Amino acid sequence: MSTIFGTSTSAFYERSLSDLKSLRKQAEELQSELSSGERLQRSSDDPVAASRLRRLARIDVLDQIDETAANRATSDLTLADNALTQFATTVTRLQELATQAASGTLSDAQRAGIGAEVRQLHQNLVGLANSRDSSGHALFGGENAADAYTLDAAGNATYAGTATAGTLALGDGQSVARGLTGPEFLQFTSGGAPADLLAVAKTLADALESGAGGAAAANSALSALGDGLDAITTAQTVVGSRLNWIDLTVERRVSLSELRTAEQTEIGATDLTENIARLQNTMLVLEASQASFSRLANLSLFSVLN
């Protein structure tokens, strides 16, 4: 009989300790969930939910890459827009000077003085054409890292960039050209013939400074300068539409990100109210079980049965 009693007592201890250990483990898991805010501590807790959370996490990583690309495109296009505004201001000033120089009341010396300012404005245009993007590369040179335009010994500007500007992916198969090449707005048609804004400005400066035929050259330049300003305005419209497109894709990406966050919360986040209640209940049961085990273990009958 003593063997049976001993075995029963030993089984009681083992069962009690196992139950207490299980309760402690439940309490620890609930505390861990409350600390991390995550319902799943390991994939085995819910393989399907864990798989979905991993997929959402991968999408978030890709979304960050798209966000970086969108930020770069926005930065470069904004720089292009600012440069185009300066182009427009410079061309407007050239129109004012050409109008003055076209007047028959001016002397050749006076036109030469105007020509000096036109020369400076031509240099300003070349400087703007060689503006840099957010990476320090040619803003209007396409994929070219060096200057978009080079000058020969006579001061003539030649385009040295690539044929097209680079594109950046915005996600979901969408992309945007991050800028413009110089020829896209500096080369245009005027009077049915091809024209180049930089060449027009240099030719006008040469004619005015030489003192010969300055009035005729200024009058001729007015039409080309007007067409050049129209080309710049068109380029600004293009840049503005691209910036708007980026804004739309960013808004869509933010909306999708919010939906993913909500889904991640629904799938993986712990319910604080429920978990606190469960933890309190588990701790109450654990404390009661420990107290009951302690009282039963100390009964004299157990000592006799052992």
C-alpha atoms as a PDB file:
ATOM      1  CA  MET A   1       0.000   0.000   0.000  1.00  0.00           C
ATOM      2  CA  SER A   2       2.823   2.407   0.807  1.00  0.00           C
ATOM      3  CA  THR A   3       4.092   1.980  -2.747  1.00  0.00           C
ATOM      4  CA  ILE A   4       0.660   2.946  -4.134  1.00  0.00           C
ATOM      5  CA  PHE A   5       0.466   5.932  -1.793  1.00  0.00           C
ATOM      6  CA  GLY A   6       3.989   6.979  -2.753  1.00  0.00           C
ATOM      7  CA  THR A   7       3.250   6.682  -6.419  1.00  0.00           C
ATOM      8  CA  SER A   8       0.020   8.691  -6.044  1.00  0.00           C
ATOM      9  CA  THR A   9       1.812  11.409  -4.116  1.00  0.00           C
ATOM     10  CA  SER A  10       4.598  11.575  -6.682  1.00  0.00           C
ATOM     11  CA  ALA A  11       2.051  11.794  -9.519  1.00  0.00           C
ATOM     12  CA  PHE A  12       0.267  14.575  -7.662  1.00  0.00           C
ATOM     13  CA  TYR A  13       3.465  16.563  -7.381  1.00  0.00           C
ATOM     14  CA  GLU A  14       4.341  16.012 -11.019  1.00  0.00           C
ATOM     15  CA  ARG A  15       0.879  17.019 -12.236  1.00  0.00           C
ATOM     16  CA  SER A  16       0.803  20.044  -9.995  1.00  0.00           C
ATOM     17  CA  LEU A  17       4.257  21.182 -11.041  1.00  0.00           C
ATOM     18  CA  SER A  18       3.386  20.630 -14.694  1.00  0.00           C
ATOM     19  CA  ASP A  19       0.213  22.701 -14.318  1.00  0.00           C
ATOM     20  CA  LEU A  20       2.096  25.475 -12.543  1.00  0.00           C
ATOM     21  CA  LYS A  21       4.796  25.437 -15.211  1.00  0.00           C
ATOM     22  CA  SER A  22       2.146  25.671 -17.936  1.00  0.00           C
ATOM     23  CA  LEU A  23       0.484  28.612 -16.214  1.00  0.00           C
ATOM     24  CA  ARG A  24       3.835  30.400 -15.803  1.00  0.00           C
ATOM     25  CA  LYS A  25       4.565  29.859 -19.498  1.00  0.00           C
ATOM     26  CA  GLN A  26       1.171  31.312 -20.453  1.00  0.00           C
ATOM     27  CA  ALA A  27       1.821  34.316 -18.228  1.00  0.00           C
ATOM     28  CA  GLU A  28       5.283  34.855 -19.727  1.00  0.00           C
ATOM     29  CA  GLU A  29       3.911  34.646 -23.277  1.00  0.00           C
ATOM     30  CA  LEU A  30       1.160  37.149 -22.473  1.00  0.00           C
ATOM     31  CA  GLN A  31       3.694  39.492 -20.876  1.00  0.00           C
ATOM     32  CA  SER A  32       5.930  39.146 -23.942  1.00  0.00           C
ATOM     33  CA  GLU A  33       3.016  39.997 -26.245  1.00  0.00           C
ATOM     34  CA  LEU A  34       2.211  43.052 -24.150  1.00  0.00           C
ATOM     35  CA  SER A  35       5.843  44.188 -24.225  1.00  0.00           C
ATOM     36  CA  SER A  36       6.335  43.731 -27.981  1.00  0.00           C
ATOM     37  CA  GLY A  37       2.793  44.593 -29.023  1.00  0.00           C
ATOM     38  CA  GLU A  38       2.883  41.584 -31.340  1.00  0.00           C
ATOM     39  CA  ARG A  39       0.536  38.655 -31.147  1.00  0.00           C
ATOM     40  CA  LEU A  40       2.872  36.250 -32.943  1.00  0.00           C
ATOM     41  CA  GLN A  41       6.089  35.496 -31.122  1.00  0.00           C
ATOM     42  CA  ARG A  42       7.088  32.823 -33.626  1.00  0.00           C
ATOM     43  CA  SER A  43       5.858  31.687 -37.052  1.00  0.00           C
ATOM     44  CA  SER A  44       4.537  28.432 -35.615  1.00  0.00           C
ATOM     45  CA  ASP A  45       1.966  30.384 -33.556  1.00  0.00           C
ATOM     46  CA  ASP A  46       0.017  31.043 -36.774  1.00  0.00           C
ATOM     47  CA  PRO A  47       1.846  30.043 -39.998  1.00  0.00           C
ATOM     48  CA  VAL A  48      -0.731  31.629 -42.329  1.00  0.00           C
ATOM     49  CA  ALA A  49      -0.713  34.959 -40.496  1.00  0.00           C
ATOM     50  CA  ALA A  50       3.075  34.897 -40.234  1.00  0.00           C
ATOM     51  CA  SER A  51       3.372  34.353 -43.988  1.00  0.00           C
ATOM     52  CA  ARG A  52       1.064  37.273 -44.674  1.00  0.00           C
ATOM     53  CA  LEU A  53       3.032  39.521 -42.323  1.00  0.00           C
ATOM     54  CA  ARG A  54       6.298  38.621 -44.077  1.00  0.00           C
ATOM     55  CA  ARG A  55       4.746  39.507 -47.440  1.00  0.00           C
ATOM     56  CA  LEU A  56       3.520  42.843 -46.101  1.00  0.00           C
ATOM     57  CA  ALA A  57       6.989  43.532 -44.680  1.00  0.00           C
ATOM     58  CA  ARG A  58       8.584  42.873 -48.097  1.00  0.00           C
ATOM     59  CA  ILE A  59       6.122  45.281 -49.703  1.00  0.00           C
ATOM     60  CA  ASP A  60       7.076  47.902 -47.107  1.00  0.00           C
ATOM     61  CA  VAL A  61      10.758  47.511 -48.018  1.00  0.00           C
ATOM     62  CA  LEU A  62      10.011  47.926 -51.721  1.00  0.00           C
ATOM     63  CA  ASP A  63       7.796  50.886 -50.893  1.00  0.00           C
ATOM     64  CA  GLN A  64      10.717  52.587 -49.166  1.00  0.00           C
ATOM     65  CA  ILE A  65      12.809  52.140 -52.322  1.00  0.00           C
ATOM     66  CA  ASP A  66      10.018  53.670 -54.411  1.00  0.00           C
ATOM     67  CA  GLU A  67       9.763  56.526 -51.923  1.00  0.00           C
ATOM     68  CA  THR A  68      13.479  57.233 -52.290  1.00  0.00           C
ATOM     69  CA  ALA A  69      13.128  57.292 -56.083  1.00  0.00           C
ATOM     70  CA  ALA A  70      10.109  59.597 -55.871  1.00  0.00           C
ATOM     71  CA  ASN A  71      11.985  61.959 -53.570  1.00  0.00           C
ATOM     72  CA  ARG A  72      14.911  62.106 -55.968  1.00  0.00           C
ATOM     73  CA  ALA A  73      12.638  62.714 -58.962  1.00  0.00           C
ATOM     74  CA  THR A  74      10.810  65.450 -57.056  1.00  0.00           C
ATOM     75  CA  SER A  75      14.096  67.066 -56.071  1.00  0.00           C
ATOM     76  CA  ASP A  76      15.520  66.995 -59.609  1.00  0.00           C
ATOM     77  CA  LEU A  77      12.301  68.205 -61.229  1.00  0.00           C
ATOM     78  CA  THR A  78      12.011  71.010 -58.683  1.00  0.00           C
ATOM     79  CA  LEU A  79      15.575  72.058 -59.468  1.00  0.00           C
ATOM     80  CA  ALA A  80      14.704  71.957 -63.173  1.00  0.00           C
ATOM     81  CA  ASP A  81      11.593  74.067 -62.590  1.00  0.00           C
ATOM     82  CA  ASN A  82      13.598  76.662 -60.662  1.00  0.00           C
ATOM     83  CA  ALA A  83      16.234  76.769 -63.403  1.00  0.00           C
ATOM     84  CA  LEU A  84      13.549  77.147 -66.075  1.00  0.00           C
ATOM     85  CA  THR A  85      12.114  80.093 -64.170  1.00  0.00           C
ATOM     86  CA  GLN A  86      15.549  81.714 -64.253  1.00  0.00           C
ATOM     87  CA  PHE A  87      15.813  80.902 -67.958  1.00  0.00           C
ATOM     88  CA  ALA A  88      12.494  82.661 -68.551  1.00  0.00           C
ATOM     89  CA  THR A  89      13.586  85.700 -66.532  1.00  0.00           C
ATOM     90  CA  THR A  90      16.848  85.921 -68.499  1.00  0.00           C
ATOM     91  CA  VAL A  91      15.123  85.600 -71.877  1.00  0.00           C
ATOM     92  CA  THR A  92      12.607  88.267 -70.864  1.00  0.00           C
ATOM     93  CA  ARG A  93      15.514  90.586 -70.117  1.00  0.00           C
ATOM     94  CA  LEU A  94      17.081  89.718 -73.480  1.00  0.00           C
ATOM     95  CA  GLN A  95      13.810  90.669 -75.171  1.00  0.00           C
ATOM     96  CA  GLU A  96      13.866  94.038 -73.400  1.00  0.00           C
ATOM     97  CA  LEU A  97      17.461  94.661 -74.487  1.00  0.00           C
ATOM     98  CA  ALA A  98      16.795  93.546 -78.057  1.00  0.00           C
ATOM     99  CA  THR A  99      13.820  95.895 -78.230  1.00  0.00           C
ATOM    100  CA  GLN A 100      16.024  98.767 -77.066  1.00  0.00           C
ATOM    101  CA  ALA A 101      18.807  97.873 -79.490  1.00  0.00           C
ATOM    102  CA  ALA A 102      16.370  97.631 -82.404  1.00  0.00           C
ATOM    103  CA  SER A 103      15.526 101.323 -82.007  1.00  0.00           C
ATOM    104  CA  GLY A 104      16.979 103.486 -84.738  1.00  0.00           C
ATOM    105  CA  THR A 105      17.656 106.320 -82.286  1.00  0.00           C
ATOM    106  CA  LEU A 106      20.581 104.516 -80.630  1.00  0.00           C
ATOM    107  CA  SER A 107      24.190 104.881 -81.659  1.00  0.00           C
ATOM    108  CA  ASP A 108      26.503 101.945 -82.338  1.00  0.00           C
ATOM    109  CA  ALA A 109      28.306 102.736 -79.074  1.00  0.00           C
ATOM    110  CA  GLN A 110      25.063 102.541 -77.159  1.00  0.00           C
ATOM    111  CA  ARG A 111      24.240  99.214 -78.826  1.00  0.00           C
ATOM    112  CA  ALA A 112      27.709  97.971 -77.923  1.00  0.00           C
ATOM    113  CA  GLY A 113      26.938  98.775 -74.280  1.00  0.00           C
ATOM    114  CA  ILE A 114      23.711  96.777 -74.571  1.00  0.00           C
ATOM    115  CA  GLY A 115      25.715  94.030 -76.251  1.00  0.00           C
ATOM    116  CA  ALA A 116      27.967  93.771 -73.192  1.00  0.00           C
ATOM    117  CA  GLU A 117      24.929  92.985 -71.026  1.00  0.00           C
ATOM    118  CA  VAL A 118      23.623  90.547 -73.635  1.00  0.00           C
ATOM    119  CA  ARG A 119      27.024  88.811 -73.511  1.00  0.00           C
ATOM    120  CA  GLN A 120      26.733  88.482 -69.742  1.00  0.00           C
ATOM    121  CA  LEU A 121      23.212  87.112 -70.086  1.00  0.00           C
ATOM    122  CA  HIS A 122      24.461  84.576 -72.643  1.00  0.00           C
ATOM    123  CA  GLN A 123      27.019  83.403 -70.084  1.00  0.00           C
ATOM    124  CA  ASN A 124      24.252  83.199 -67.497  1.00  0.00           C
ATOM    125  CA  LEU A 125      22.223  81.001 -69.869  1.00  0.00           C
ATOM    126  CA  VAL A 126      25.181  78.670 -70.351  1.00  0.00           C
ATOM    127  CA  GLY A 127      25.629  78.503 -66.582  1.00  0.00           C
ATOM    128  CA  LEU A 128      21.963  77.640 -66.118  1.00  0.00           C
ATOM    129  CA  ALA A 129      22.202  74.999 -68.846  1.00  0.00           C
ATOM    130  CA  ASN A 130      25.027  73.419 -66.851  1.00  0.00           C
ATOM    131  CA  SER A 131      23.089  73.376 -63.562  1.00  0.00           C
ATOM    132  CA  ARG A 132      23.532  70.323 -61.321  1.00  0.00           C
ATOM    133  CA  ASP A 133      20.929  67.892 -60.039  1.00  0.00           C
ATOM    134  CA  SER A 134      20.567  66.475 -56.517  1.00  0.00           C
ATOM    135  CA  SER A 135      23.371  63.984 -57.212  1.00  0.00           C
ATOM    136  CA  GLY A 136      25.755  66.610 -58.544  1.00  0.00           C
ATOM    137  CA  HIS A 137      25.304  65.504 -62.170  1.00  0.00           C
ATOM    138  CA  ALA A 138      24.268  67.641 -65.112  1.00  0.00           C
ATOM    139  CA  LEU A 139      20.641  68.666 -64.551  1.00  0.00           C
ATOM    140  CA  PHE A 140      19.955  69.109 -68.261  1.00  0.00           C
ATOM    141  CA  GLY A 141      22.509  66.596 -69.548  1.00  0.00           C
ATOM    142  CA  GLY A 142      20.425  63.426 -69.395  1.00  0.00           C
ATOM    143  CA  GLU A 143      22.585  60.634 -68.018  1.00  0.00           C
ATOM    144  CA  ASN A 144      25.788  62.631 -68.421  1.00  0.00           C
ATOM    145  CA  ALA A 145      27.630  63.354 -65.190  1.00  0.00           C
ATOM    146  CA  ALA A 146      29.756  66.152 -66.653  1.00  0.00           C
ATOM    147  CA  ASP A 147      28.562  69.486 -68.071  1.00  0.00           C
ATOM    148  CA  ALA A 148      25.571  69.366 -70.374  1.00  0.00           C
ATOM    149  CA  TYR A 149      27.126  72.014 -72.628  1.00  0.00           C
ATOM    150  CA  THR A 150      30.713  72.748 -73.603  1.00  0.00           C
ATOM    151  CA  LEU A 151      32.100  75.925 -75.164  1.00  0.00           C
ATOM    152  CA  ASP A 152      34.561  76.049 -78.022  1.00  0.00           C
ATOM    153  CA  ALA A 153      37.273  78.693 -78.403  1.00  0.00           C
ATOM    154  CA  ALA A 154      34.803  81.104 -80.000  1.00  0.00           C
ATOM    155  CA  GLY A 155      32.290  80.682 -77.167  1.00  0.00           C
ATOM    156  CA  ASN A 156      29.789  78.571 -79.116  1.00  0.00           C
ATOM    157  CA  ALA A 157      27.848  76.135 -76.892  1.00  0.00           C
ATOM    158  CA  THR A 158      27.518  72.495 -77.921  1.00  0.00           C
ATOM    159  CA  TYR A 159      25.322  69.915 -76.191  1.00  0.00           C
ATOM    160  CA  ALA A 160      27.423  67.117 -74.646  1.00  0.00           C
ATOM    161  CA  GLY A 161      24.745  65.150 -72.797  1.00  0.00           C
ATOM    162  CA  THR A 162      22.728  62.056 -73.656  1.00  0.00           C
ATOM    163  CA  ALA A 163      19.637  61.993 -75.853  1.00  0.00           C
ATOM    164  CA  THR A 164      17.156  61.472 -73.038  1.00  0.00           C
ATOM    165  CA  ALA A 165      16.860  62.121 -69.306  1.00  0.00           C
ATOM    166  CA  GLY A 166      16.840  59.132 -66.981  1.00  0.00           C
ATOM    167  CA  THR A 167      13.627  57.697 -65.585  1.00  0.00           C
ATOM    168  CA  LEU A 168      12.899  56.612 -62.044  1.00  0.00           C
ATOM    169  CA  ALA A 169      10.448  53.897 -60.960  1.00  0.00           C
ATOM    170  CA  LEU A 170       7.609  55.019 -58.702  1.00  0.00           C
ATOM    171  CA  GLY A 171       6.204  51.564 -57.953  1.00  0.00           C
ATOM    172  CA  ASP A 172       3.378  49.472 -59.398  1.00  0.00           C
ATOM    173  CA  GLY A 173       4.949  49.697 -62.845  1.00  0.00           C
ATOM    174  CA  GLN A 174       4.822  53.506 -62.870  1.00  0.00           C
ATOM    175  CA  SER A 175       7.847  55.656 -63.739  1.00  0.00           C
ATOM    176  CA  VAL A 176       8.691  59.271 -64.442  1.00  0.00           C
ATOM    177  CA  ALA A 177      11.435  61.112 -66.302  1.00  0.00           C
ATOM    178  CA  ARG A 178      13.462  62.859 -63.615  1.00  0.00           C
ATOM    179  CA  GLY A 179      14.281  65.884 -65.751  1.00  0.00           C
ATOM    180  CA  LEU A 180      14.753  67.410 -69.208  1.00  0.00           C
ATOM    181  CA  THR A 181      17.669  67.504 -71.590  1.00  0.00           C
ATOM    182  CA  GLY A 182      18.889  70.885 -72.764  1.00  0.00           C
ATOM    183  CA  PRO A 183      17.811  70.433 -76.402  1.00  0.00           C
ATOM    184  CA  GLU A 184      14.231  69.703 -75.277  1.00  0.00           C
ATOM    185  CA  PHE A 185      13.690  73.397 -74.535  1.00  0.00           C
ATOM    186  CA  LEU A 186      16.791  75.257 -75.735  1.00  0.00           C
ATOM    187  CA  GLN A 187      16.306  74.065 -79.304  1.00  0.00           C
ATOM    188  CA  PHE A 188      13.060  75.019 -81.035  1.00  0.00           C
ATOM    189  CA  THR A 189      11.577  76.140 -84.330  1.00  0.00           C
ATOM    190  CA  SER A 190      11.396  79.814 -85.167  1.00  0.00           C
ATOM    191  CA  GLY A 191      10.136  81.151 -88.475  1.00  0.00           C
ATOM    192  CA  GLY A 192      10.009  77.629 -89.849  1.00  0.00           C
ATOM    193  CA  ALA A 193      13.703  77.029 -89.170  1.00  0.00           C
ATOM    194  CA  PRO A 194      15.518  75.322 -86.284  1.00  0.00           C
ATOM    195  CA  ALA A 195      16.899  77.675 -83.653  1.00  0.00           C
ATOM    196  CA  ASP A 196      18.992  77.396 -80.511  1.00  0.00           C
ATOM    197  CA  LEU A 197      18.500  79.838 -77.646  1.00  0.00           C
ATOM    198  CA  LEU A 198      22.163  79.878 -76.654  1.00  0.00           C
ATOM    199  CA  ALA A 199      23.195  80.542 -80.247  1.00  0.00           C
ATOM    200  CA  VAL A 200      20.578  83.294 -80.608  1.00  0.00           C
ATOM    201  CA  ALA A 201      21.902  85.084 -77.514  1.00  0.00           C
ATOM    202  CA  LYS A 202      25.541  84.772 -78.630  1.00  0.00           C
ATOM    203  CA  THR A 203      24.781  85.958 -82.174  1.00  0.00           C
ATOM    204  CA  LEU A 204      22.936  88.983 -80.801  1.00  0.00           C
ATOM    205  CA  ALA A 205      25.814  89.841 -78.442  1.00  0.00           C
ATOM    206  CA  ASP A 206      28.355  89.531 -81.282  1.00  0.00           C
ATOM    207  CA  ALA A 207      26.289  91.778 -83.576  1.00  0.00           C
ATOM    208  CA  LEU A 208      25.684  94.473 -80.986  1.00  0.00           C
ATOM    209  CA  GLU A 209      29.266  94.585 -79.797  1.00  0.00           C
ATOM    210  CA  SER A 210      30.639  94.722 -83.335  1.00  0.00           C
ATOM    211  CA  GLY A 211      28.659  97.879 -84.078  1.00  0.00           C
ATOM    212  CA  ALA A 212      27.656  96.727 -87.579  1.00  0.00           C
ATOM    213  CA  GLY A 213      24.023  95.838 -88.287  1.00  0.00           C
ATOM    214  CA  GLY A 214      23.170  95.778 -84.615  1.00  0.00           C
ATOM    215  CA  ALA A 215      19.669  97.185 -85.067  1.00  0.00           C
ATOM    216  CA  ALA A 216      18.731  94.616 -87.701  1.00  0.00           C
ATOM    217  CA  ALA A 217      20.212  91.773 -85.647  1.00  0.00           C
ATOM    218  CA  ALA A 218      18.263  92.898 -82.582  1.00  0.00           C
ATOM    219  CA  ASN A 219      15.028  93.114 -84.544  1.00  0.00           C
ATOM    220  CA  SER A 220      15.643  89.651 -86.010  1.00  0.00           C
ATOM    221  CA  ALA A 221      16.423  88.193 -82.579  1.00  0.00           C
ATOM    222  CA  LEU A 222      13.120  89.332 -81.099  1.00  0.00           C
ATOM    223  CA  SER A 223      11.100  86.707 -82.931  1.00  0.00           C
ATOM    224  CA  ALA A 224      13.505  83.900 -81.978  1.00  0.00           C
ATOM    225  CA  LEU A 225      13.588  85.056 -78.350  1.00  0.00           C
ATOM    226  CA  GLY A 226       9.781  85.000 -78.242  1.00  0.00           C
ATOM    227  CA  ASP A 227       9.725  81.454 -79.603  1.00  0.00           C
ATOM    228  CA  GLY A 228      12.464  80.497 -77.140  1.00  0.00           C
ATOM    229  CA  LEU A 229      10.441  81.831 -74.243  1.00  0.00           C
ATOM    230  CA  ASP A 230       7.446  79.787 -75.447  1.00  0.00           C
ATOM    231  CA  ALA A 231       9.639  76.662 -75.496  1.00  0.00           C
ATOM    232  CA  ILE A 232      10.723  77.346 -71.916  1.00  0.00           C
ATOM    233  CA  THR A 233       7.118  77.878 -70.812  1.00  0.00           C
ATOM    234  CA  THR A 234       6.149  74.580 -72.444  1.00  0.00           C
ATOM    235  CA  ALA A 235       9.016  72.854 -70.621  1.00  0.00           C
ATOM    236  CA  GLN A 236       7.780  74.288 -67.327  1.00  0.00           C
ATOM    237  CA  THR A 237       4.344  72.844 -68.044  1.00  0.00           C
ATOM    238  CA  VAL A 238       5.900  69.433 -68.692  1.00  0.00           C
ATOM    239  CA  VAL A 239       7.901  69.583 -65.468  1.00  0.00           C
ATOM    240  CA  GLY A 240       4.818  70.698 -63.532  1.00  0.00           C
ATOM    241  CA  SER A 241       2.758  67.800 -64.869  1.00  0.00           C
ATOM    242  CA  ARG A 242       5.469  65.352 -63.847  1.00  0.00           C
ATOM    243  CA  LEU A 243       5.588  66.794 -60.346  1.00  0.00           C
ATOM    244  CA  ASN A 244       1.799  66.451 -60.138  1.00  0.00           C
ATOM    245  CA  TRP A 245       2.065  62.838 -61.302  1.00  0.00           C
ATOM    246  CA  ILE A 246       4.608  62.108 -58.583  1.00  0.00           C
ATOM    247  CA  ASP A 247       2.295  63.715 -55.998  1.00  0.00           C
ATOM    248  CA  LEU A 248      -0.537  61.443 -57.129  1.00  0.00           C
ATOM    249  CA  THR A 249       1.602  58.316 -56.895  1.00  0.00           C
ATOM    250  CA  VAL A 250       2.869  59.399 -53.478  1.00  0.00           C
ATOM    251  CA  GLU A 251      -0.697  59.908 -52.239  1.00  0.00           C
ATOM    252  CA  ARG A 252      -1.649  56.475 -53.543  1.00  0.00           C
ATOM    253  CA  ARG A 253       1.418  54.907 -51.937  1.00  0.00           C
ATOM    254  CA  VAL A 254       0.609  56.557 -48.611  1.00  0.00           C
ATOM    255  CA  SER A 255      -2.970  55.274 -48.790  1.00  0.00           C
ATOM    256  CA  LEU A 256      -1.787  51.746 -49.547  1.00  0.00           C
ATOM    257  CA  SER A 257       0.773  51.983 -46.762  1.00  0.00           C
ATOM    258  CA  GLU A 258      -1.956  52.943 -44.307  1.00  0.00           C
ATOM    259  CA  LEU A 259      -4.040  49.971 -45.441  1.00  0.00           C
ATOM    260  CA  ARG A 260      -1.049  47.656 -44.992  1.00  0.00           C
ATOM    261  CA  THR A 261      -0.408  49.067 -41.539  1.00  0.00           C
ATOM    262  CA  ALA A 262      -4.027  48.464 -40.602  1.00  0.00           C
ATOM    263  CA  GLU A 263      -3.814  44.900 -41.928  1.00  0.00           C
ATOM    264  CA  GLN A 264      -0.553  44.272 -40.090  1.00  0.00           C
ATOM    265  CA  THR A 265      -2.171  45.518 -36.901  1.00  0.00           C
ATOM    266  CA  GLU A 266      -5.208  43.336 -37.437  1.00  0.00           C
ATOM    267  CA  ILE A 267      -3.120  40.251 -38.182  1.00  0.00           C
ATOM    268  CA  GLY A 268      -0.149  40.595 -35.883  1.00  0.00           C
ATOM    269  CA  ALA A 269      -0.824  43.178 -33.222  1.00  0.00           C
ATOM    270  CA  THR A 270      -1.951  42.079 -29.822  1.00  0.00           C
ATOM    271  CA  ASP A 271      -5.267  43.186 -28.343  1.00  0.00           C
ATOM    272  CA  LEU A 272      -4.067  45.044 -25.252  1.00  0.00           C
ATOM    273  CA  THR A 273      -7.403  45.002 -23.454  1.00  0.00           C
ATOM    274  CA  GLU A 274      -7.925  41.283 -24.032  1.00  0.00           C
ATOM    275  CA  ASN A 275      -4.311  40.401 -23.213  1.00  0.00           C
ATOM    276  CA  ILE A 276      -4.314  42.380 -19.988  1.00  0.00           C
ATOM    277  CA  ALA A 277      -7.505  40.638 -18.933  1.00  0.00           C
ATOM    278  CA  ARG A 278      -6.077  37.233 -19.856  1.00  0.00           C
ATOM    279  CA  LEU A 279      -2.831  37.987 -18.041  1.00  0.00           C
ATOM    280  CA  GLN A 280      -4.657  39.088 -14.912  1.00  0.00           C
ATOM    281  CA  ASN A 281      -6.801  35.959 -15.035  1.00  0.00           C
ATOM    282  CA  THR A 282      -3.766  33.723 -15.622  1.00  0.00           C
ATOM    283  CA  MET A 283      -1.848  35.336 -12.757  1.00  0.00           C
ATOM    284  CA  LEU A 284      -4.878  34.922 -10.492  1.00  0.00           C
ATOM    285  CA  VAL A 285      -5.169  31.238 -11.361  1.00  0.00           C
ATOM    286  CA  LEU A 286      -1.402  30.802 -10.975  1.00  0.00           C
ATOM    287  CA  GLU A 287      -1.386  32.405  -7.539  1.00  0.00           C
ATOM    288  CA  ALA A 288      -4.391  30.342  -6.459  1.00  0.00           C
ATOM    289  CA  SER A 289      -2.828  27.137  -7.770  1.00  0.00           C
ATOM    290  CA  GLN A 290       0.443  27.860  -6.003  1.00  0.00           C
ATOM    291  CA  ALA A 291      -1.401  28.541  -2.755  1.00  0.00           C
ATOM    292  CA  SER A 292      -3.507  25.376  -3.113  1.00  0.00           C
ATOM    293  CA  PHE A 293      -0.460  23.275  -3.938  1.00  0.00           C
ATOM    294  CA  SER A 294       1.390  24.667  -0.947  1.00  0.00           C
ATOM    295  CA  ARG A 295      -1.478  23.933   1.437  1.00  0.00           C
ATOM    296  CA  LEU A 296      -2.055  20.409   0.107  1.00  0.00           C
ATOM    297  CA  ALA A 297       1.638  19.583   0.153  1.00  0.00           C
ATOM    298  CA  ASN A 298       1.803  20.568   3.816  1.00  0.00           C
ATOM    299  CA  LEU A 299      -1.154  18.441   4.969  1.00  0.00           C
ATOM    300  CA  SER A 300      -0.173  15.820   7.526  1.00  0.00           C
ATOM    301  CA  LEU A 301      -2.004  13.164   5.502  1.00  0.00           C
ATOM    302  CA  PHE A 302       0.489  13.636   2.702  1.00  0.00           C
ATOM    303  CA  SER A 303       3.300  13.121   5.121  1.00  0.00           C
ATOM    304  CA  VAL A 304       1.666   9.881   6.254  1.00  0.00           C
ATOM    305  CA  LEU A 305       0.969   8.757   2.691  1.00  0.00           C
ATOM    306  CA  ASN A 306       4.563   9.428   1.720  1.00  0.00           C
END
